[in-house]
Amino acid sequence: MPLFENSSARKQLLILLVLLFGSSLIFTPFGILTAIPFVDGNIFDAFERMNLGETSQDIALMKYFQMISQIGLFIIPSFFFAYLVSPKMFSFLGIEKRPSLNLIFLAILIGLVSAPFINWVLQMNSEIHLPAGLQKAELWMRQLEEEALRLTELFLSDNRFSGLIVNLLIMALIAGFGEELLLRGVLQPLLIRWTKKPHLAIWLAAATFSFLHFQFFGFVPRLLLGALFGYYFYWTKNLWIPIVAHIINNALIVSITFASNRESIESNYLEKTLNQTPSSITLLLSLVLTLGGLLLFYAETRRKKNSQTNPDLPTYL
């Protein structure tokens, strides 16, 4: 029997935090040591200046540590935690069964039709100003925002196809899988057990997901996306659906930015198009289609659950 299978949700949450802290202590020096053979000069000097992004080595090192942190802080602790609390690790994480292609298609479609509304929320969020007494806090948050944007631009500045593949691997595949594994596969069920309120737990996990990006003026749209992924998992009990939705979302952003950086796209047309404020009709249509897609998604999950409970029922019911 797993060591902490019968522990309370509160105790398991504490164990998860200890695992995350311990993993960070292990994988940070591991990343530094394994990078030594590939770095010119002193590794610690390279580590300190990598965020400046002044050389190709700086950017490569930055990407490497991003990959190490995703694996070491999201993926490894999630699997180890599942091993400690459940005899069926893959089932516990929600990755044992193949997802429904219908639900995958609906999740991707919802992501596409919701994009105008989410982009509008992002614009509104970025224009929020704190009260006069919190000007220093706002300045600090905007500095973090600008630094995060600068680092993202450095990540995506490589307009070679090899650079696109690396960025898709790190920013879409590994990030989407790792974040969903920890936040939806592990944290969300723990919060549901602890609070006994599934909807509260979904939004708390989504808030954690948004907060971990340390981009406070993009907090609300990430909160909405995190909640969307959370409901996918809560309704289906299959983590592959939010994983695929998350990967596709990130991959589209990486690919569109790559396309806009190519010389064949005149004056970053795609980025300008995405940054334009959508019309009221576009926003309303996006919101209506998103809500309609969610209703279809929920209805499909109920239909599949009923057909499994009553296998003699026709599949079209």
C-alpha atoms as a PDB file:
ATOM      1  CA  MET A   1       0.000   0.000   0.000  1.00  0.00           C
ATOM      2  CA  PRO A   2       1.347   3.490  -0.836  1.00  0.00           C
ATOM      3  CA  LEU A   3       2.866   5.274   2.121  1.00  0.00           C
ATOM      4  CA  PHE A   4       0.387   8.175   2.290  1.00  0.00           C
ATOM      5  CA  GLU A   5      -2.694   6.657   0.643  1.00  0.00           C
ATOM      6  CA  ASN A   6      -4.908   7.089   3.705  1.00  0.00           C
ATOM      7  CA  SER A   7      -3.579  10.493   4.748  1.00  0.00           C
ATOM      8  CA  SER A   8      -5.908  13.480   4.898  1.00  0.00           C
ATOM      9  CA  ALA A   9      -6.077  15.937   2.020  1.00  0.00           C
ATOM     10  CA  ARG A  10      -4.384  18.571   4.170  1.00  0.00           C
ATOM     11  CA  LYS A  11      -1.478  16.260   4.971  1.00  0.00           C
ATOM     12  CA  GLN A  12      -1.141  15.214   1.322  1.00  0.00           C
ATOM     13  CA  LEU A  13      -1.110  18.874   0.293  1.00  0.00           C
ATOM     14  CA  LEU A  14       1.730  19.472   2.742  1.00  0.00           C
ATOM     15  CA  ILE A  15       3.586  16.464   1.312  1.00  0.00           C
ATOM     16  CA  LEU A  16       3.155  17.915  -2.177  1.00  0.00           C
ATOM     17  CA  LEU A  17       4.650  21.240  -1.072  1.00  0.00           C
ATOM     18  CA  VAL A  18       7.615  19.427   0.498  1.00  0.00           C
ATOM     19  CA  LEU A  19       8.153  17.470  -2.725  1.00  0.00           C
ATOM     20  CA  LEU A  20       8.082  20.649  -4.798  1.00  0.00           C
ATOM     21  CA  PHE A  21      10.564  22.367  -2.499  1.00  0.00           C
ATOM     22  CA  GLY A  22      12.847  19.331  -2.392  1.00  0.00           C
ATOM     23  CA  SER A  23      12.699  18.926  -6.157  1.00  0.00           C
ATOM     24  CA  SER A  24      13.735  22.549  -6.660  1.00  0.00           C
ATOM     25  CA  LEU A  25      16.739  21.973  -4.376  1.00  0.00           C
ATOM     26  CA  ILE A  26      17.771  18.957  -6.449  1.00  0.00           C
ATOM     27  CA  PHE A  27      17.066  20.046 -10.014  1.00  0.00           C
ATOM     28  CA  THR A  28      18.550  23.555  -9.842  1.00  0.00           C
ATOM     29  CA  PRO A  29      22.094  22.320  -9.092  1.00  0.00           C
ATOM     30  CA  PHE A  30      21.481  19.355 -11.425  1.00  0.00           C
ATOM     31  CA  GLY A  31      20.713  21.766 -14.247  1.00  0.00           C
ATOM     32  CA  ILE A  32      23.838  23.787 -13.509  1.00  0.00           C
ATOM     33  CA  LEU A  33      26.103  20.709 -13.366  1.00  0.00           C
ATOM     34  CA  THR A  34      24.780  19.161 -16.574  1.00  0.00           C
ATOM     35  CA  ALA A  35      25.187  22.469 -18.426  1.00  0.00           C
ATOM     36  CA  ILE A  36      28.902  22.854 -17.566  1.00  0.00           C
ATOM     37  CA  PRO A  37      30.282  20.870 -20.572  1.00  0.00           C
ATOM     38  CA  PHE A  38      28.294  23.029 -23.006  1.00  0.00           C
ATOM     39  CA  VAL A  39      29.096  26.481 -21.603  1.00  0.00           C
ATOM     40  CA  ASP A  40      32.055  28.633 -22.531  1.00  0.00           C
ATOM     41  CA  GLY A  41      33.680  30.091 -19.423  1.00  0.00           C
ATOM     42  CA  ASN A  42      32.449  29.975 -15.843  1.00  0.00           C
ATOM     43  CA  ILE A  43      29.024  28.344 -15.489  1.00  0.00           C
ATOM     44  CA  PHE A  44      27.966  30.643 -12.644  1.00  0.00           C
ATOM     45  CA  ASP A  45      28.824  33.761 -14.632  1.00  0.00           C
ATOM     46  CA  ALA A  46      26.855  32.348 -17.555  1.00  0.00           C
ATOM     47  CA  PHE A  47      23.958  31.538 -15.234  1.00  0.00           C
ATOM     48  CA  GLU A  48      23.884  35.119 -13.883  1.00  0.00           C
ATOM     49  CA  ARG A  49      23.916  36.805 -17.286  1.00  0.00           C
ATOM     50  CA  MET A  50      21.679  34.407 -19.240  1.00  0.00           C
ATOM     51  CA  ASN A  51      18.545  36.511 -18.679  1.00  0.00           C
ATOM     52  CA  LEU A  52      20.249  39.394 -20.476  1.00  0.00           C
ATOM     53  CA  GLY A  53      19.964  37.388 -23.685  1.00  0.00           C
ATOM     54  CA  GLU A  54      22.941  39.143 -25.241  1.00  0.00           C
ATOM     55  CA  THR A  55      24.368  36.051 -26.915  1.00  0.00           C
ATOM     56  CA  SER A  56      23.017  32.876 -28.484  1.00  0.00           C
ATOM     57  CA  GLN A  57      24.528  30.956 -25.562  1.00  0.00           C
ATOM     58  CA  ASP A  58      22.491  33.065 -23.115  1.00  0.00           C
ATOM     59  CA  ILE A  59      19.252  32.241 -24.914  1.00  0.00           C
ATOM     60  CA  ALA A  60      20.132  28.546 -25.285  1.00  0.00           C
ATOM     61  CA  LEU A  61      20.962  28.341 -21.578  1.00  0.00           C
ATOM     62  CA  MET A  62      17.723  30.119 -20.705  1.00  0.00           C
ATOM     63  CA  LYS A  63      15.726  27.600 -22.721  1.00  0.00           C
ATOM     64  CA  TYR A  64      17.610  24.710 -21.169  1.00  0.00           C
ATOM     65  CA  PHE A  65      16.852  25.874 -17.613  1.00  0.00           C
ATOM     66  CA  GLN A  66      13.227  26.468 -18.544  1.00  0.00           C
ATOM     67  CA  MET A  67      13.010  22.849 -19.691  1.00  0.00           C
ATOM     68  CA  ILE A  68      14.780  21.581 -16.561  1.00  0.00           C
ATOM     69  CA  SER A  69      12.474  23.590 -14.292  1.00  0.00           C
ATOM     70  CA  GLN A  70       9.362  22.285 -16.064  1.00  0.00           C
ATOM     71  CA  ILE A  71      10.507  18.691 -15.704  1.00  0.00           C
ATOM     72  CA  GLY A  72      11.930  19.076 -12.204  1.00  0.00           C
ATOM     73  CA  LEU A  73       9.220  21.237 -10.650  1.00  0.00           C
ATOM     74  CA  PHE A  74       6.089  19.991 -12.397  1.00  0.00           C
ATOM     75  CA  ILE A  75       6.466  16.547 -13.937  1.00  0.00           C
ATOM     76  CA  ILE A  76       8.756  14.588 -11.583  1.00  0.00           C
ATOM     77  CA  PRO A  77       7.060  15.725  -8.315  1.00  0.00           C
ATOM     78  CA  SER A  78       3.618  14.949  -9.763  1.00  0.00           C
ATOM     79  CA  PHE A  79       4.516  11.355 -10.619  1.00  0.00           C
ATOM     80  CA  PHE A  80       6.343  10.863  -7.311  1.00  0.00           C
ATOM     81  CA  PHE A  81       3.398  12.261  -5.357  1.00  0.00           C
ATOM     82  CA  ALA A  82       0.978   9.969  -7.210  1.00  0.00           C
ATOM     83  CA  TYR A  83       3.263   7.021  -6.410  1.00  0.00           C
ATOM     84  CA  LEU A  84       3.159   7.921  -2.697  1.00  0.00           C
ATOM     85  CA  VAL A  85      -0.619   8.279  -2.412  1.00  0.00           C
ATOM     86  CA  SER A  86      -2.156   5.822  -4.882  1.00  0.00           C
ATOM     87  CA  PRO A  87      -1.608   2.175  -5.907  1.00  0.00           C
ATOM     88  CA  LYS A  88      -2.704   3.176  -9.424  1.00  0.00           C
ATOM     89  CA  MET A  89      -0.465   6.100 -10.245  1.00  0.00           C
ATOM     90  CA  PHE A  90      -1.602   6.705 -13.836  1.00  0.00           C
ATOM     91  CA  SER A  91      -5.266   6.339 -12.926  1.00  0.00           C
ATOM     92  CA  PHE A  92      -4.818   8.797 -10.040  1.00  0.00           C
ATOM     93  CA  LEU A  93      -3.349  11.374 -12.419  1.00  0.00           C
ATOM     94  CA  GLY A  94      -6.099  10.821 -14.984  1.00  0.00           C
ATOM     95  CA  ILE A  95      -3.773   9.711 -17.776  1.00  0.00           C
ATOM     96  CA  GLU A  96      -4.532   5.983 -17.839  1.00  0.00           C
ATOM     97  CA  LYS A  97      -7.283   6.054 -20.473  1.00  0.00           C
ATOM     98  CA  ARG A  98      -7.333   7.403 -23.985  1.00  0.00           C
ATOM     99  CA  PRO A  99      -9.442  10.547 -24.384  1.00  0.00           C
ATOM    100  CA  SER A 100     -12.524  10.811 -26.565  1.00  0.00           C
ATOM    101  CA  LEU A 101     -11.683  12.307 -29.957  1.00  0.00           C
ATOM    102  CA  ASN A 102     -15.030  14.117 -29.921  1.00  0.00           C
ATOM    103  CA  LEU A 103     -14.147  15.851 -26.659  1.00  0.00           C
ATOM    104  CA  ILE A 104     -10.632  16.662 -27.874  1.00  0.00           C
ATOM    105  CA  PHE A 105     -12.126  18.257 -30.992  1.00  0.00           C
ATOM    106  CA  LEU A 106     -14.639  20.256 -28.929  1.00  0.00           C
ATOM    107  CA  ALA A 107     -11.923  21.463 -26.535  1.00  0.00           C
ATOM    108  CA  ILE A 108      -9.762  22.667 -29.442  1.00  0.00           C
ATOM    109  CA  LEU A 109     -12.780  24.333 -31.075  1.00  0.00           C
ATOM    110  CA  ILE A 110     -13.688  26.107 -27.824  1.00  0.00           C
ATOM    111  CA  GLY A 111     -10.107  27.355 -27.578  1.00  0.00           C
ATOM    112  CA  LEU A 112     -10.298  28.828 -31.081  1.00  0.00           C
ATOM    113  CA  VAL A 113     -13.694  30.532 -30.742  1.00  0.00           C
ATOM    114  CA  SER A 114     -12.852  31.905 -27.283  1.00  0.00           C
ATOM    115  CA  ALA A 115      -9.636  33.583 -28.497  1.00  0.00           C
ATOM    116  CA  PRO A 116     -11.189  37.007 -29.337  1.00  0.00           C
ATOM    117  CA  PHE A 117     -12.899  37.178 -25.942  1.00  0.00           C
ATOM    118  CA  ILE A 118      -9.779  36.041 -24.052  1.00  0.00           C
ATOM    119  CA  ASN A 119      -7.629  38.576 -25.939  1.00  0.00           C
ATOM    120  CA  TRP A 120     -10.105  41.332 -25.044  1.00  0.00           C
ATOM    121  CA  VAL A 121      -9.974  40.290 -21.365  1.00  0.00           C
ATOM    122  CA  LEU A 122      -6.170  40.423 -21.596  1.00  0.00           C
ATOM    123  CA  GLN A 123      -6.317  43.976 -22.933  1.00  0.00           C
ATOM    124  CA  MET A 124      -8.735  45.058 -20.203  1.00  0.00           C
ATOM    125  CA  ASN A 125      -6.597  43.391 -17.532  1.00  0.00           C
ATOM    126  CA  SER A 126      -3.443  45.118 -18.774  1.00  0.00           C
ATOM    127  CA  GLU A 127      -5.123  48.536 -18.434  1.00  0.00           C
ATOM    128  CA  ILE A 128      -6.071  48.087 -14.771  1.00  0.00           C
ATOM    129  CA  HIS A 129      -4.459  50.569 -12.397  1.00  0.00           C
ATOM    130  CA  LEU A 130      -4.158  50.138  -8.642  1.00  0.00           C
ATOM    131  CA  PRO A 131      -5.214  52.880  -6.172  1.00  0.00           C
ATOM    132  CA  ALA A 132      -2.814  55.765  -5.554  1.00  0.00           C
ATOM    133  CA  GLY A 133      -1.591  54.247  -2.297  1.00  0.00           C
ATOM    134  CA  LEU A 134      -0.410  51.140  -4.146  1.00  0.00           C
ATOM    135  CA  GLN A 135       1.616  52.840  -6.860  1.00  0.00           C
ATOM    136  CA  LYS A 136       4.859  51.175  -5.768  1.00  0.00           C
ATOM    137  CA  ALA A 137       3.203  47.763  -5.889  1.00  0.00           C
ATOM    138  CA  GLU A 138       1.840  48.517  -9.366  1.00  0.00           C
ATOM    139  CA  LEU A 139       5.265  49.679 -10.557  1.00  0.00           C
ATOM    140  CA  TRP A 140       6.816  46.455  -9.249  1.00  0.00           C
ATOM    141  CA  MET A 141       4.155  44.336 -10.963  1.00  0.00           C
ATOM    142  CA  ARG A 142       4.566  46.172 -14.263  1.00  0.00           C
ATOM    143  CA  GLN A 143       8.339  45.713 -14.080  1.00  0.00           C
ATOM    144  CA  LEU A 144       7.779  41.971 -13.622  1.00  0.00           C
ATOM    145  CA  GLU A 145       5.369  42.049 -16.565  1.00  0.00           C
ATOM    146  CA  GLU A 146       7.873  43.829 -18.801  1.00  0.00           C
ATOM    147  CA  GLU A 147      10.654  41.445 -17.787  1.00  0.00           C
ATOM    148  CA  ALA A 148       8.464  38.413 -18.499  1.00  0.00           C
ATOM    149  CA  LEU A 149       7.517  39.885 -21.884  1.00  0.00           C
ATOM    150  CA  ARG A 150      11.176  40.563 -22.678  1.00  0.00           C
ATOM    151  CA  LEU A 151      12.171  36.995 -21.808  1.00  0.00           C
ATOM    152  CA  THR A 152       9.289  35.609 -23.881  1.00  0.00           C
ATOM    153  CA  GLU A 153      10.382  37.701 -26.847  1.00  0.00           C
ATOM    154  CA  LEU A 154      13.932  36.385 -26.442  1.00  0.00           C
ATOM    155  CA  PHE A 155      12.581  32.842 -26.391  1.00  0.00           C
ATOM    156  CA  LEU A 156      10.631  33.415 -29.581  1.00  0.00           C
ATOM    157  CA  SER A 157      13.187  35.547 -31.400  1.00  0.00           C
ATOM    158  CA  ASP A 158      14.709  32.615 -33.295  1.00  0.00           C
ATOM    159  CA  ASN A 159      13.082  32.604 -36.758  1.00  0.00           C
ATOM    160  CA  ARG A 160      14.717  29.349 -37.880  1.00  0.00           C
ATOM    161  CA  PHE A 161      12.551  26.241 -38.158  1.00  0.00           C
ATOM    162  CA  SER A 162      14.875  24.442 -35.746  1.00  0.00           C
ATOM    163  CA  GLY A 163      14.174  27.224 -33.255  1.00  0.00           C
ATOM    164  CA  LEU A 164      10.443  26.763 -33.795  1.00  0.00           C
ATOM    165  CA  ILE A 165      10.726  23.036 -32.997  1.00  0.00           C
ATOM    166  CA  VAL A 166      12.671  23.743 -29.795  1.00  0.00           C
ATOM    167  CA  ASN A 167      10.178  26.409 -28.709  1.00  0.00           C
ATOM    168  CA  LEU A 168       7.232  24.115 -29.396  1.00  0.00           C
ATOM    169  CA  LEU A 169       8.907  21.379 -27.365  1.00  0.00           C
ATOM    170  CA  ILE A 170       9.608  23.621 -24.356  1.00  0.00           C
ATOM    171  CA  MET A 171       6.768  26.154 -24.375  1.00  0.00           C
ATOM    172  CA  ALA A 172       3.965  23.959 -25.684  1.00  0.00           C
ATOM    173  CA  LEU A 173       4.600  20.238 -25.195  1.00  0.00           C
ATOM    174  CA  ILE A 174       6.558  20.150 -21.923  1.00  0.00           C
ATOM    175  CA  ALA A 175       4.873  23.220 -20.409  1.00  0.00           C
ATOM    176  CA  GLY A 176       1.359  22.064 -21.291  1.00  0.00           C
ATOM    177  CA  PHE A 177       1.933  18.532 -20.036  1.00  0.00           C
ATOM    178  CA  GLY A 178       3.800  19.548 -16.876  1.00  0.00           C
ATOM    179  CA  GLU A 179       1.471  22.332 -15.748  1.00  0.00           C
ATOM    180  CA  GLU A 180      -1.657  20.267 -16.287  1.00  0.00           C
ATOM    181  CA  LEU A 181      -0.115  17.267 -14.545  1.00  0.00           C
ATOM    182  CA  LEU A 182       0.625  19.245 -11.387  1.00  0.00           C
ATOM    183  CA  LEU A 183      -2.191  21.802 -11.256  1.00  0.00           C
ATOM    184  CA  ARG A 184      -5.092  19.784 -12.614  1.00  0.00           C
ATOM    185  CA  GLY A 185      -3.932  16.186 -12.125  1.00  0.00           C
ATOM    186  CA  VAL A 186      -2.639  16.615  -8.568  1.00  0.00           C
ATOM    187  CA  LEU A 187      -3.572  19.965  -6.994  1.00  0.00           C
ATOM    188  CA  GLN A 188      -7.188  20.245  -8.158  1.00  0.00           C
ATOM    189  CA  PRO A 189      -8.338  16.839  -6.810  1.00  0.00           C
ATOM    190  CA  LEU A 190      -6.538  17.564  -3.536  1.00  0.00           C
ATOM    191  CA  LEU A 191      -8.347  20.887  -3.209  1.00  0.00           C
ATOM    192  CA  ILE A 192     -11.660  19.209  -4.014  1.00  0.00           C
ATOM    193  CA  ARG A 193     -11.090  16.689  -1.212  1.00  0.00           C
ATOM    194  CA  TRP A 194      -9.981  19.416   1.181  1.00  0.00           C
ATOM    195  CA  THR A 195     -12.688  22.019   0.521  1.00  0.00           C
ATOM    196  CA  LYS A 196     -15.498  19.595  -0.418  1.00  0.00           C
ATOM    197  CA  LYS A 197     -16.460  22.259  -2.979  1.00  0.00           C
ATOM    198  CA  PRO A 198     -15.438  21.253  -6.522  1.00  0.00           C
ATOM    199  CA  HIS A 199     -16.121  24.614  -8.161  1.00  0.00           C
ATOM    200  CA  LEU A 200     -14.117  26.491  -5.523  1.00  0.00           C
ATOM    201  CA  ALA A 201     -11.264  24.003  -5.933  1.00  0.00           C
ATOM    202  CA  ILE A 202     -11.264  24.397  -9.720  1.00  0.00           C
ATOM    203  CA  TRP A 203     -10.973  28.179  -9.450  1.00  0.00           C
ATOM    204  CA  LEU A 204      -8.325  27.969  -6.707  1.00  0.00           C
ATOM    205  CA  ALA A 205      -6.216  25.675  -8.903  1.00  0.00           C
ATOM    206  CA  ALA A 206      -6.792  28.065 -11.830  1.00  0.00           C
ATOM    207  CA  ALA A 207      -5.695  31.023  -9.680  1.00  0.00           C
ATOM    208  CA  THR A 208      -2.539  29.115  -8.709  1.00  0.00           C
ATOM    209  CA  PHE A 209      -1.911  28.372 -12.393  1.00  0.00           C
ATOM    210  CA  SER A 210      -2.217  32.075 -13.247  1.00  0.00           C
ATOM    211  CA  PHE A 211      -0.185  33.276 -10.264  1.00  0.00           C
ATOM    212  CA  LEU A 212       2.754  30.987 -11.091  1.00  0.00           C
ATOM    213  CA  HIS A 213       3.322  32.935 -14.315  1.00  0.00           C
ATOM    214  CA  PHE A 214       4.053  36.099 -12.258  1.00  0.00           C
ATOM    215  CA  GLN A 215       2.330  38.256 -14.862  1.00  0.00           C
ATOM    216  CA  PHE A 216      -0.297  40.071 -12.822  1.00  0.00           C
ATOM    217  CA  PHE A 217      -1.650  42.156 -15.669  1.00  0.00           C
ATOM    218  CA  GLY A 218      -2.429  38.956 -17.522  1.00  0.00           C
ATOM    219  CA  PHE A 219      -3.840  37.241 -14.427  1.00  0.00           C
ATOM    220  CA  VAL A 220      -7.527  37.236 -15.376  1.00  0.00           C
ATOM    221  CA  PRO A 221      -7.277  35.637 -18.851  1.00  0.00           C
ATOM    222  CA  ARG A 222      -4.981  32.929 -17.490  1.00  0.00           C
ATOM    223  CA  LEU A 223      -7.420  32.412 -14.634  1.00  0.00           C
ATOM    224  CA  LEU A 224     -10.211  31.862 -17.163  1.00  0.00           C
ATOM    225  CA  LEU A 225      -8.099  29.454 -19.211  1.00  0.00           C
ATOM    226  CA  GLY A 226      -7.065  27.578 -16.070  1.00  0.00           C
ATOM    227  CA  ALA A 227     -10.708  27.239 -14.999  1.00  0.00           C
ATOM    228  CA  LEU A 228     -11.609  26.028 -18.492  1.00  0.00           C
ATOM    229  CA  PHE A 229      -8.929  23.325 -18.303  1.00  0.00           C
ATOM    230  CA  GLY A 230     -10.079  22.504 -14.779  1.00  0.00           C
ATOM    231  CA  TYR A 231     -13.665  21.889 -15.836  1.00  0.00           C
ATOM    232  CA  TYR A 232     -12.493  19.718 -18.719  1.00  0.00           C
ATOM    233  CA  PHE A 233     -10.772  17.458 -16.203  1.00  0.00           C
ATOM    234  CA  TYR A 234     -13.561  17.592 -13.619  1.00  0.00           C
ATOM    235  CA  TRP A 235     -16.223  16.636 -16.150  1.00  0.00           C
ATOM    236  CA  THR A 236     -14.262  13.933 -17.955  1.00  0.00           C
ATOM    237  CA  LYS A 237     -11.841  12.586 -15.296  1.00  0.00           C
ATOM    238  CA  ASN A 238      -9.358  12.380 -18.191  1.00  0.00           C
ATOM    239  CA  LEU A 239      -6.347  14.667 -17.936  1.00  0.00           C
ATOM    240  CA  TRP A 240      -5.366  14.199 -21.586  1.00  0.00           C
ATOM    241  CA  ILE A 241      -8.134  16.570 -22.673  1.00  0.00           C
ATOM    242  CA  PRO A 242      -6.856  19.668 -20.789  1.00  0.00           C
ATOM    243  CA  ILE A 243      -3.293  18.605 -21.630  1.00  0.00           C
ATOM    244  CA  VAL A 244      -4.029  18.613 -25.363  1.00  0.00           C
ATOM    245  CA  ALA A 245      -6.043  21.854 -25.101  1.00  0.00           C
ATOM    246  CA  HIS A 246      -3.182  23.520 -23.208  1.00  0.00           C
ATOM    247  CA  ILE A 247      -0.543  22.293 -25.665  1.00  0.00           C
ATOM    248  CA  ILE A 248      -2.582  23.462 -28.671  1.00  0.00           C
ATOM    249  CA  ASN A 249      -3.149  26.877 -27.068  1.00  0.00           C
ATOM    250  CA  ASN A 250       0.560  27.396 -26.421  1.00  0.00           C
ATOM    251  CA  ALA A 251       1.569  25.934 -29.785  1.00  0.00           C
ATOM    252  CA  LEU A 252      -0.692  28.373 -31.639  1.00  0.00           C
ATOM    253  CA  ILE A 253       0.852  31.338 -29.816  1.00  0.00           C
ATOM    254  CA  VAL A 254       4.389  30.100 -30.551  1.00  0.00           C
ATOM    255  CA  SER A 255       3.560  29.363 -34.204  1.00  0.00           C
ATOM    256  CA  ILE A 256       1.795  32.687 -34.842  1.00  0.00           C
ATOM    257  CA  THR A 257       4.691  34.602 -33.305  1.00  0.00           C
ATOM    258  CA  PHE A 258       7.137  32.586 -35.405  1.00  0.00           C
ATOM    259  CA  ALA A 259       5.148  33.339 -38.562  1.00  0.00           C
ATOM    260  CA  SER A 260       4.983  37.037 -37.738  1.00  0.00           C
ATOM    261  CA  ASN A 261       8.753  37.120 -37.274  1.00  0.00           C
ATOM    262  CA  ARG A 262       9.393  35.655 -40.717  1.00  0.00           C
ATOM    263  CA  GLU A 263      10.331  38.123 -43.421  1.00  0.00           C
ATOM    264  CA  SER A 264       7.479  36.854 -45.596  1.00  0.00           C
ATOM    265  CA  ILE A 265       4.911  38.325 -43.186  1.00  0.00           C
ATOM    266  CA  GLU A 266       4.881  42.032 -43.777  1.00  0.00           C
ATOM    267  CA  SER A 267       5.147  44.314 -40.718  1.00  0.00           C
ATOM    268  CA  ASN A 268       4.176  41.616 -38.195  1.00  0.00           C
ATOM    269  CA  TYR A 269       0.655  41.551 -39.607  1.00  0.00           C
ATOM    270  CA  LEU A 270      -0.515  38.588 -37.543  1.00  0.00           C
ATOM    271  CA  GLU A 271       0.571  40.095 -34.242  1.00  0.00           C
ATOM    272  CA  LYS A 272      -1.071  43.412 -35.089  1.00  0.00           C
ATOM    273  CA  THR A 273      -4.275  41.627 -36.012  1.00  0.00           C
ATOM    274  CA  LEU A 274      -4.325  39.743 -32.711  1.00  0.00           C
ATOM    275  CA  ASN A 275      -3.593  42.896 -30.704  1.00  0.00           C
ATOM    276  CA  GLN A 276      -6.442  44.873 -32.236  1.00  0.00           C
ATOM    277  CA  THR A 277      -9.488  45.380 -30.034  1.00  0.00           C
ATOM    278  CA  PRO A 278     -12.238  43.160 -31.496  1.00  0.00           C
ATOM    279  CA  SER A 279     -15.602  44.686 -32.374  1.00  0.00           C
ATOM    280  CA  SER A 280     -18.588  44.302 -30.045  1.00  0.00           C
ATOM    281  CA  ILE A 281     -20.184  41.835 -32.471  1.00  0.00           C
ATOM    282  CA  THR A 282     -16.997  39.739 -32.571  1.00  0.00           C
ATOM    283  CA  LEU A 283     -16.798  39.731 -28.771  1.00  0.00           C
ATOM    284  CA  LEU A 284     -20.436  38.751 -28.375  1.00  0.00           C
ATOM    285  CA  LEU A 285     -20.147  36.030 -31.002  1.00  0.00           C
ATOM    286  CA  SER A 286     -16.977  34.704 -29.361  1.00  0.00           C
ATOM    287  CA  LEU A 287     -18.645  34.585 -25.937  1.00  0.00           C
ATOM    288  CA  VAL A 288     -21.837  32.954 -27.248  1.00  0.00           C
ATOM    289  CA  LEU A 289     -19.925  30.332 -29.225  1.00  0.00           C
ATOM    290  CA  THR A 290     -17.665  29.625 -26.232  1.00  0.00           C
ATOM    291  CA  LEU A 291     -20.617  29.105 -23.885  1.00  0.00           C
ATOM    292  CA  GLY A 292     -22.382  27.018 -26.529  1.00  0.00           C
ATOM    293  CA  GLY A 293     -19.259  24.912 -26.980  1.00  0.00           C
ATOM    294  CA  LEU A 294     -19.025  24.355 -23.222  1.00  0.00           C
ATOM    295  CA  LEU A 295     -22.650  23.238 -23.094  1.00  0.00           C
ATOM    296  CA  LEU A 296     -21.984  20.794 -25.925  1.00  0.00           C
ATOM    297  CA  PHE A 297     -18.858  19.570 -24.163  1.00  0.00           C
ATOM    298  CA  TYR A 298     -20.721  19.028 -20.896  1.00  0.00           C
ATOM    299  CA  ALA A 299     -23.612  17.289 -22.665  1.00  0.00           C
ATOM    300  CA  GLU A 300     -21.183  14.981 -24.456  1.00  0.00           C
ATOM    301  CA  THR A 301     -19.507  14.029 -21.160  1.00  0.00           C
ATOM    302  CA  ARG A 302     -22.937  13.241 -19.644  1.00  0.00           C
ATOM    303  CA  ARG A 303     -23.884  11.179 -22.700  1.00  0.00           C
ATOM    304  CA  LYS A 304     -20.678   9.151 -22.479  1.00  0.00           C
ATOM    305  CA  LYS A 305     -21.107   8.620 -18.754  1.00  0.00           C
ATOM    306  CA  ASN A 306     -24.693   7.441 -19.225  1.00  0.00           C
ATOM    307  CA  SER A 307     -23.730   5.079 -22.048  1.00  0.00           C
ATOM    308  CA  GLN A 308     -21.058   3.525 -19.814  1.00  0.00           C
ATOM    309  CA  THR A 309     -23.514   3.184 -16.919  1.00  0.00           C
ATOM    310  CA  ASN A 310     -26.223   1.800 -19.197  1.00  0.00           C
ATOM    311  CA  PRO A 311     -24.400   0.053 -22.050  1.00  0.00           C
ATOM    312  CA  ASP A 312     -27.668  -1.194 -23.579  1.00  0.00           C
ATOM    313  CA  LEU A 313     -28.829   2.356 -24.349  1.00  0.00           C
ATOM    314  CA  PRO A 314     -28.403   3.555 -27.953  1.00  0.00           C
ATOM    315  CA  THR A 315     -25.238   5.648 -28.293  1.00  0.00           C
ATOM    316  CA  TYR A 316     -27.151   8.560 -29.836  1.00  0.00           C
ATOM    317  CA  LEU A 317     -29.140   9.217 -26.623  1.00  0.00           C
END
